[in-house]
Amino acid sequence: MTRRTRSRRNVAKIQTEYVQEHEEQRDFKAKQKKLLFRRLLAFGVLFSLIMGILVFTHINQRAVMEEKQQNTMKKSPP
């Protein structure tokens, strides 16, 4: 047999309770990892949205305060 034909052969899996439990644990960890990624993504989107709202509000408040200060300076006599 050449190396190519040996690498293409199917190898039978060992069917024991240990192997089955190990596969279940592996699947569970993969599912947990996927859920963790989804939670982190959701929190990242939520954080970005809240920060955007806060920055937008802050910029608007600064503009309003600056406008009020300019109006009071124009109105008050020297």
PDB file of N, CA and C in Angstrom:
ATOM      1  N   MET A   1       0.830  -1.184   0.000  1.00  0.00           N
ATOM      2  CA  MET A   1       0.000   0.000   0.000  1.00  0.00           C
ATOM      3  C   MET A   1       0.876   1.250   0.000  1.00  0.00           C
ATOM      4  N   THR A   2       0.411   2.202  -0.738  1.00  0.00           N
ATOM      5  CA  THR A   2       1.143   3.462  -0.746  1.00  0.00           C
ATOM      6  C   THR A   2       0.585   4.365   0.335  1.00  0.00           C
ATOM      7  N   ARG A   3       1.259   5.407   0.538  1.00  0.00           N
ATOM      8  CA  ARG A   3       0.849   6.343   1.584  1.00  0.00           C
ATOM      9  C   ARG A   3      -0.504   6.987   1.255  1.00  0.00           C
ATOM     10  N   ARG A   4      -0.752   7.253  -0.018  1.00  0.00           N
ATOM     11  CA  ARG A   4      -2.017   7.878  -0.406  1.00  0.00           C
ATOM     12  C   ARG A   4      -3.214   6.985  -0.103  1.00  0.00           C
ATOM     13  N   THR A   5      -3.126   5.745  -0.428  1.00  0.00           N
ATOM     14  CA  THR A   5      -4.273   4.868  -0.204  1.00  0.00           C
ATOM     15  C   THR A   5      -4.502   4.636   1.277  1.00  0.00           C
ATOM     16  N   ARG A   6      -3.437   4.604   2.058  1.00  0.00           N
ATOM     17  CA  ARG A   6      -3.608   4.422   3.493  1.00  0.00           C
ATOM     18  C   ARG A   6      -4.294   5.621   4.137  1.00  0.00           C
ATOM     19  N   SER A   7      -3.983   6.850   3.680  1.00  0.00           N
ATOM     20  CA  SER A   7      -4.579   8.038   4.296  1.00  0.00           C
ATOM     21  C   SER A   7      -6.046   8.188   3.924  1.00  0.00           C
ATOM     22  N   ARG A   8      -6.474   7.561   2.850  1.00  0.00           N
ATOM     23  CA  ARG A   8      -7.864   7.676   2.413  1.00  0.00           C
ATOM     24  C   ARG A   8      -8.766   6.588   2.983  1.00  0.00           C
ATOM     25  N   ARG A   9      -8.214   5.605   3.636  1.00  0.00           N
ATOM     26  CA  ARG A   9      -9.049   4.544   4.203  1.00  0.00           C
ATOM     27  C   ARG A   9      -9.843   5.074   5.386  1.00  0.00           C
ATOM     28  N   ASN A  10     -11.000   4.504   5.582  1.00  0.00           N
ATOM     29  CA  ASN A  10     -11.806   4.866   6.752  1.00  0.00           C
ATOM     30  C   ASN A  10     -11.333   4.047   7.940  1.00  0.00           C
ATOM     31  N   VAL A  11     -11.237   4.705   9.054  1.00  0.00           N
ATOM     32  CA  VAL A  11     -10.825   4.032  10.274  1.00  0.00           C
ATOM     33  C   VAL A  11     -12.063   3.890  11.149  1.00  0.00           C
ATOM     34  N   ALA A  12     -12.294   2.715  11.640  1.00  0.00           N
ATOM     35  CA  ALA A  12     -13.460   2.473  12.490  1.00  0.00           C
ATOM     36  C   ALA A  12     -13.268   3.167  13.831  1.00  0.00           C
ATOM     37  N   LYS A  13     -14.365   3.713  14.341  1.00  0.00           N
ATOM     38  CA  LYS A  13     -14.322   4.369  15.643  1.00  0.00           C
ATOM     39  C   LYS A  13     -14.571   3.334  16.734  1.00  0.00           C
ATOM     40  N   ILE A  14     -13.955   3.585  17.847  1.00  0.00           N
ATOM     41  CA  ILE A  14     -14.164   2.721  19.001  1.00  0.00           C
ATOM     42  C   ILE A  14     -15.480   3.128  19.645  1.00  0.00           C
ATOM     43  N   GLN A  15     -16.372   2.200  19.813  1.00  0.00           N
ATOM     44  CA  GLN A  15     -17.675   2.494  20.404  1.00  0.00           C
ATOM     45  C   GLN A  15     -17.692   2.001  21.849  1.00  0.00           C
ATOM     46  N   THR A  16     -17.256   2.877  22.739  1.00  0.00           N
ATOM     47  CA  THR A  16     -17.309   2.559  24.161  1.00  0.00           C
ATOM     48  C   THR A  16     -18.045   3.683  24.878  1.00  0.00           C
ATOM     49  N   GLU A  17     -18.362   3.438  26.099  1.00  0.00           N
ATOM     50  CA  GLU A  17     -19.052   4.436  26.900  1.00  0.00           C
ATOM     51  C   GLU A  17     -18.170   5.669  27.092  1.00  0.00           C
ATOM     52  N   TYR A  18     -16.873   5.436  27.266  1.00  0.00           N
ATOM     53  CA  TYR A  18     -15.934   6.549  27.453  1.00  0.00           C
ATOM     54  C   TYR A  18     -15.892   7.440  26.213  1.00  0.00           C
ATOM     55  N   VAL A  19     -15.801   6.836  25.039  1.00  0.00           N
ATOM     56  CA  VAL A  19     -15.724   7.609  23.802  1.00  0.00           C
ATOM     57  C   VAL A  19     -17.015   8.393  23.598  1.00  0.00           C
ATOM     58  N   GLN A  20     -18.143   7.766  23.872  1.00  0.00           N
ATOM     59  CA  GLN A  20     -19.424   8.445  23.719  1.00  0.00           C
ATOM     60  C   GLN A  20     -19.528   9.630  24.688  1.00  0.00           C
ATOM     61  N   GLU A  21     -19.097   9.439  25.925  1.00  0.00           N
ATOM     62  CA  GLU A  21     -19.127  10.518  26.914  1.00  0.00           C
ATOM     63  C   GLU A  21     -18.190  11.656  26.495  1.00  0.00           C
ATOM     64  N   HIS A  22     -17.039  11.285  25.970  1.00  0.00           N
ATOM     65  CA  HIS A  22     -16.076  12.293  25.518  1.00  0.00           C
ATOM     66  C   HIS A  22     -16.646  13.112  24.357  1.00  0.00           C
ATOM     67  N   GLU A  23     -17.322  12.465  23.432  1.00  0.00           N
ATOM     68  CA  GLU A  23     -17.938  13.169  22.309  1.00  0.00           C
ATOM     69  C   GLU A  23     -19.057  14.091  22.792  1.00  0.00           C
ATOM     70  N   GLU A  24     -19.828  13.647  23.766  1.00  0.00           N
ATOM     71  CA  GLU A  24     -20.885  14.489  24.325  1.00  0.00           C
ATOM     72  C   GLU A  24     -20.303  15.714  25.012  1.00  0.00           C
ATOM     73  N   GLN A  25     -19.212  15.525  25.745  1.00  0.00           N
ATOM     74  CA  GLN A  25     -18.555  16.654  26.404  1.00  0.00           C
ATOM     75  C   GLN A  25     -18.014  17.634  25.369  1.00  0.00           C
ATOM     76  N   ARG A  26     -17.440  17.102  24.295  1.00  0.00           N
ATOM     77  CA  ARG A  26     -16.896  17.943  23.235  1.00  0.00           C
ATOM     78  C   ARG A  26     -18.017  18.747  22.578  1.00  0.00           C
ATOM     79  N   ASP A  27     -19.145  18.092  22.318  1.00  0.00           N
ATOM     80  CA  ASP A  27     -20.285  18.789  21.718  1.00  0.00           C
ATOM     81  C   ASP A  27     -20.836  19.858  22.661  1.00  0.00           C
ATOM     82  N   PHE A  28     -20.909  19.531  23.963  1.00  0.00           N
ATOM     83  CA  PHE A  28     -21.396  20.486  24.952  1.00  0.00           C
ATOM     84  C   PHE A  28     -20.482  21.708  25.015  1.00  0.00           C
ATOM     85  N   LYS A  29     -19.169  21.488  25.010  1.00  0.00           N
ATOM     86  CA  LYS A  29     -18.219  22.610  25.051  1.00  0.00           C
ATOM     87  C   LYS A  29     -18.322  23.454  23.786  1.00  0.00           C
ATOM     88  N   ALA A  30     -18.529  22.816  22.649  1.00  0.00           N
ATOM     89  CA  ALA A  30     -18.685  23.568  21.400  1.00  0.00           C
ATOM     90  C   ALA A  30     -19.941  24.433  21.453  1.00  0.00           C
ATOM     91  N   LYS A  31     -21.024  23.873  21.998  1.00  0.00           N
ATOM     92  CA  LYS A  31     -22.271  24.629  22.116  1.00  0.00           C
ATOM     93  C   LYS A  31     -22.095  25.797  23.084  1.00  0.00           C
ATOM     94  N   GLN A  32     -21.415  25.562  24.206  1.00  0.00           N
ATOM     95  CA  GLN A  32     -21.175  26.617  25.185  1.00  0.00           C
ATOM     96  C   GLN A  32     -20.326  27.728  24.579  1.00  0.00           C
ATOM     97  N   LYS A  33     -19.341  27.353  23.786  1.00  0.00           N
ATOM     98  CA  LYS A  33     -18.473  28.335  23.145  1.00  0.00           C
ATOM     99  C   LYS A  33     -19.273  29.199  22.171  1.00  0.00           C
ATOM    100  N   LYS A  34     -20.167  28.575  21.428  1.00  0.00           N
ATOM    101  CA  LYS A  34     -21.008  29.303  20.490  1.00  0.00           C
ATOM    102  C   LYS A  34     -21.930  30.270  21.238  1.00  0.00           C
ATOM    103  N   LEU A  35     -22.522  29.805  22.355  1.00  0.00           N
ATOM    104  CA  LEU A  35     -23.400  30.665  23.144  1.00  0.00           C
ATOM    105  C   LEU A  35     -22.633  31.823  23.772  1.00  0.00           C
ATOM    106  N   LEU A  36     -21.409  31.550  24.213  1.00  0.00           N
ATOM    107  CA  LEU A  36     -20.571  32.613  24.779  1.00  0.00           C
ATOM    108  C   LEU A  36     -20.302  33.679  23.726  1.00  0.00           C
ATOM    109  N   PHE A  37     -19.959  33.248  22.514  1.00  0.00           N
ATOM    110  CA  PHE A  37     -19.709  34.195  21.433  1.00  0.00           C
ATOM    111  C   PHE A  37     -20.948  35.037  21.153  1.00  0.00           C
ATOM    112  N   ARG A  38     -22.121  34.412  21.148  1.00  0.00           N
ATOM    113  CA  ARG A  38     -23.354  35.155  20.904  1.00  0.00           C
ATOM    114  C   ARG A  38     -23.626  36.166  22.015  1.00  0.00           C
ATOM    115  N   ARG A  39     -23.404  35.758  23.274  1.00  0.00           N
ATOM    116  CA  ARG A  39     -23.619  36.682  24.393  1.00  0.00           C
ATOM    117  C   ARG A  39     -22.658  37.860  24.309  1.00  0.00           C
ATOM    118  N   LEU A  40     -21.389  37.577  24.021  1.00  0.00           N
ATOM    119  CA  LEU A  40     -20.412  38.657  23.917  1.00  0.00           C
ATOM    120  C   LEU A  40     -20.757  39.599  22.771  1.00  0.00           C
ATOM    121  N   LEU A  41     -21.210  39.045  21.675  1.00  0.00           N
ATOM    122  CA  LEU A  41     -21.610  39.864  20.541  1.00  0.00           C
ATOM    123  C   LEU A  41     -22.810  40.742  20.912  1.00  0.00           C
ATOM    124  N   ALA A  42     -23.786  40.164  21.604  1.00  0.00           N
ATOM    125  CA  ALA A  42     -24.965  40.934  22.015  1.00  0.00           C
ATOM    126  C   ALA A  42     -24.571  42.058  22.971  1.00  0.00           C
ATOM    127  N   PHE A  43     -23.717  41.754  23.948  1.00  0.00           N
ATOM    128  CA  PHE A  43     -23.280  42.795  24.873  1.00  0.00           C
ATOM    129  C   PHE A  43     -22.452  43.862  24.160  1.00  0.00           C
ATOM    130  N   GLY A  44     -21.661  43.462  23.190  1.00  0.00           N
ATOM    131  CA  GLY A  44     -20.875  44.428  22.413  1.00  0.00           C
ATOM    132  C   GLY A  44     -21.768  45.378  21.636  1.00  0.00           C
ATOM    133  N   VAL A  45     -22.804  44.841  21.008  1.00  0.00           N
ATOM    134  CA  VAL A  45     -23.744  45.681  20.261  1.00  0.00           C
ATOM    135  C   VAL A  45     -24.479  46.609  21.218  1.00  0.00           C
ATOM    136  N   LEU A  46     -24.939  46.075  22.347  1.00  0.00           N
ATOM    137  CA  LEU A  46     -25.634  46.889  23.336  1.00  0.00           C
ATOM    138  C   LEU A  46     -24.725  47.997  23.877  1.00  0.00           C
ATOM    139  N   PHE A  47     -23.474  47.656  24.185  1.00  0.00           N
ATOM    140  CA  PHE A  47     -22.515  48.636  24.688  1.00  0.00           C
ATOM    141  C   PHE A  47     -22.272  49.736  23.655  1.00  0.00           C
ATOM    142  N   SER A  48     -22.098  49.341  22.394  1.00  0.00           N
ATOM    143  CA  SER A  48     -21.867  50.327  21.333  1.00  0.00           C
ATOM    144  C   SER A  48     -23.066  51.251  21.171  1.00  0.00           C
ATOM    145  N   LEU A  49     -24.251  50.685  21.242  1.00  0.00           N
ATOM    146  CA  LEU A  49     -25.466  51.488  21.116  1.00  0.00           C
ATOM    147  C   LEU A  49     -25.578  52.489  22.265  1.00  0.00           C
ATOM    148  N   ILE A  50     -25.352  52.038  23.476  1.00  0.00           N
ATOM    149  CA  ILE A  50     -25.442  52.933  24.641  1.00  0.00           C
ATOM    150  C   ILE A  50     -24.361  54.013  24.571  1.00  0.00           C
ATOM    151  N   MET A  51     -23.148  53.632  24.206  1.00  0.00           N
ATOM    152  CA  MET A  51     -22.073  54.630  24.110  1.00  0.00           C
ATOM    153  C   MET A  51     -22.377  55.648  23.016  1.00  0.00           C
ATOM    154  N   GLY A  52     -22.930  55.192  21.905  1.00  0.00           N
ATOM    155  CA  GLY A  52     -23.299  56.118  20.834  1.00  0.00           C
ATOM    156  C   GLY A  52     -24.341  57.115  21.299  1.00  0.00           C
ATOM    157  N   ILE A  53     -25.341  56.637  22.014  1.00  0.00           N
ATOM    158  CA  ILE A  53     -26.388  57.523  22.534  1.00  0.00           C
ATOM    159  C   ILE A  53     -25.785  58.527  23.516  1.00  0.00           C
ATOM    160  N   LEU A  54     -24.901  58.059  24.400  1.00  0.00           N
ATOM    161  CA  LEU A  54     -24.284  58.958  25.377  1.00  0.00           C
ATOM    162  C   LEU A  54     -23.422  60.027  24.703  1.00  0.00           C
ATOM    163  N   VAL A  55     -22.649  59.631  23.718  1.00  0.00           N
ATOM    164  CA  VAL A  55     -21.795  60.596  23.015  1.00  0.00           C
ATOM    165  C   VAL A  55     -22.657  61.606  22.268  1.00  0.00           C
ATOM    166  N   PHE A  56     -23.687  61.126  21.588  1.00  0.00           N
ATOM    167  CA  PHE A  56     -24.595  62.015  20.861  1.00  0.00           C
ATOM    168  C   PHE A  56     -25.245  63.021  21.806  1.00  0.00           C
ATOM    169  N   THR A  57     -25.727  62.552  22.953  1.00  0.00           N
ATOM    170  CA  THR A  57     -26.359  63.421  23.944  1.00  0.00           C
ATOM    171  C   THR A  57     -25.365  64.438  24.491  1.00  0.00           C
ATOM    172  N   HIS A  58     -24.163  63.991  24.764  1.00  0.00           N
ATOM    173  CA  HIS A  58     -23.138  64.884  25.305  1.00  0.00           C
ATOM    174  C   HIS A  58     -22.795  65.994  24.308  1.00  0.00           C
ATOM    175  N   ILE A  59     -22.630  65.633  23.056  1.00  0.00           N
ATOM    176  CA  ILE A  59     -22.310  66.632  22.032  1.00  0.00           C
ATOM    177  C   ILE A  59     -23.450  67.633  21.888  1.00  0.00           C
ATOM    178  N   ASN A  60     -24.685  67.140  21.890  1.00  0.00           N
ATOM    179  CA  ASN A  60     -25.830  68.052  21.800  1.00  0.00           C
ATOM    180  C   ASN A  60     -25.904  68.981  23.005  1.00  0.00           C
ATOM    181  N   GLN A  61     -25.661  68.467  24.192  1.00  0.00           N
ATOM    182  CA  GLN A  61     -25.705  69.311  25.389  1.00  0.00           C
ATOM    183  C   GLN A  61     -24.608  70.372  25.351  1.00  0.00           C
ATOM    184  N   ARG A  62     -23.435  69.997  24.867  1.00  0.00           N
ATOM    185  CA  ARG A  62     -22.359  70.992  24.765  1.00  0.00           C
ATOM    186  C   ARG A  62     -22.731  72.093  23.783  1.00  0.00           C
ATOM    187  N   ALA A  63     -23.361  71.711  22.666  1.00  0.00           N
ATOM    188  CA  ALA A  63     -23.764  72.706  21.676  1.00  0.00           C
ATOM    189  C   ALA A  63     -24.824  73.636  22.259  1.00  0.00           C
ATOM    190  N   VAL A  64     -25.782  73.089  22.991  1.00  0.00           N
ATOM    191  CA  VAL A  64     -26.828  73.907  23.604  1.00  0.00           C
ATOM    192  C   VAL A  64     -26.216  74.844  24.644  1.00  0.00           C
ATOM    193  N   MET A  65     -25.324  74.347  25.471  1.00  0.00           N
ATOM    194  CA  MET A  65     -24.685  75.185  26.493  1.00  0.00           C
ATOM    195  C   MET A  65     -23.850  76.295  25.854  1.00  0.00           C
ATOM    196  N   GLU A  66     -23.148  75.970  24.795  1.00  0.00           N
ATOM    197  CA  GLU A  66     -22.342  76.989  24.120  1.00  0.00           C
ATOM    198  C   GLU A  66     -23.246  78.066  23.513  1.00  0.00           C
ATOM    199  N   GLU A  67     -24.347  77.649  22.934  1.00  0.00           N
ATOM    200  CA  GLU A  67     -25.295  78.602  22.353  1.00  0.00           C
ATOM    201  C   GLU A  67     -25.890  79.495  23.434  1.00  0.00           C
ATOM    202  N   LYS A  68     -26.241  78.926  24.573  1.00  0.00           N
ATOM    203  CA  LYS A  68     -26.786  79.721  25.672  1.00  0.00           C
ATOM    204  C   LYS A  68     -25.755  80.716  26.190  1.00  0.00           C
ATOM    205  N   GLN A  69     -24.511  80.292  26.289  1.00  0.00           N
ATOM    206  CA  GLN A  69     -23.469  81.205  26.763  1.00  0.00           C
ATOM    207  C   GLN A  69     -23.258  82.353  25.780  1.00  0.00           C
ATOM    208  N   GLN A  70     -23.319  82.061  24.498  1.00  0.00           N
ATOM    209  CA  GLN A  70     -23.158  83.122  23.505  1.00  0.00           C
ATOM    210  C   GLN A  70     -24.333  84.087  23.557  1.00  0.00           C
ATOM    211  N   ASN A  71     -25.537  83.570  23.767  1.00  0.00           N
ATOM    212  CA  ASN A  71     -26.714  84.439  23.865  1.00  0.00           C
ATOM    213  C   ASN A  71     -26.645  85.327  25.100  1.00  0.00           C
ATOM    214  N   THR A  72     -26.187  84.793  26.211  1.00  0.00           N
ATOM    215  CA  THR A  72     -26.102  85.611  27.433  1.00  0.00           C
ATOM    216  C   THR A  72     -25.002  86.648  27.304  1.00  0.00           C
ATOM    217  N   MET A  73     -23.946  86.351  26.593  1.00  0.00           N
ATOM    218  CA  MET A  73     -22.867  87.333  26.416  1.00  0.00           C
ATOM    219  C   MET A  73     -23.321  88.462  25.507  1.00  0.00           C
ATOM    220  N   LYS A  74     -24.151  88.166  24.512  1.00  0.00           N
ATOM    221  CA  LYS A  74     -24.649  89.197  23.597  1.00  0.00           C
ATOM    222  C   LYS A  74     -25.656  90.111  24.301  1.00  0.00           C
ATOM    223  N   LYS A  75     -26.479  89.536  25.173  1.00  0.00           N
ATOM    224  CA  LYS A  75     -27.524  90.291  25.848  1.00  0.00           C
ATOM    225  C   LYS A  75     -27.009  91.157  26.985  1.00  0.00           C
ATOM    226  N   SER A  76     -25.990  90.708  27.692  1.00  0.00           N
ATOM    227  CA  SER A  76     -25.526  91.479  28.854  1.00  0.00           C
ATOM    228  C   SER A  76     -24.694  92.680  28.377  1.00  0.00           C
ATOM    229  N   PRO A  77     -25.024  93.869  28.911  1.00  0.00           N
ATOM    230  CA  PRO A  77     -24.269  95.070  28.506  1.00  0.00           C
ATOM    231  C   PRO A  77     -22.880  95.069  29.142  1.00  0.00           C
ATOM    232  N   PRO A  78     -21.918  95.591  28.450  1.00  0.00           N
ATOM    233  CA  PRO A  78     -20.531  95.623  28.996  1.00  0.00           C
ATOM    234  C   PRO A  78     -20.328  96.607  30.103  1.00  0.00           C
TER     235      PRO A  78
END
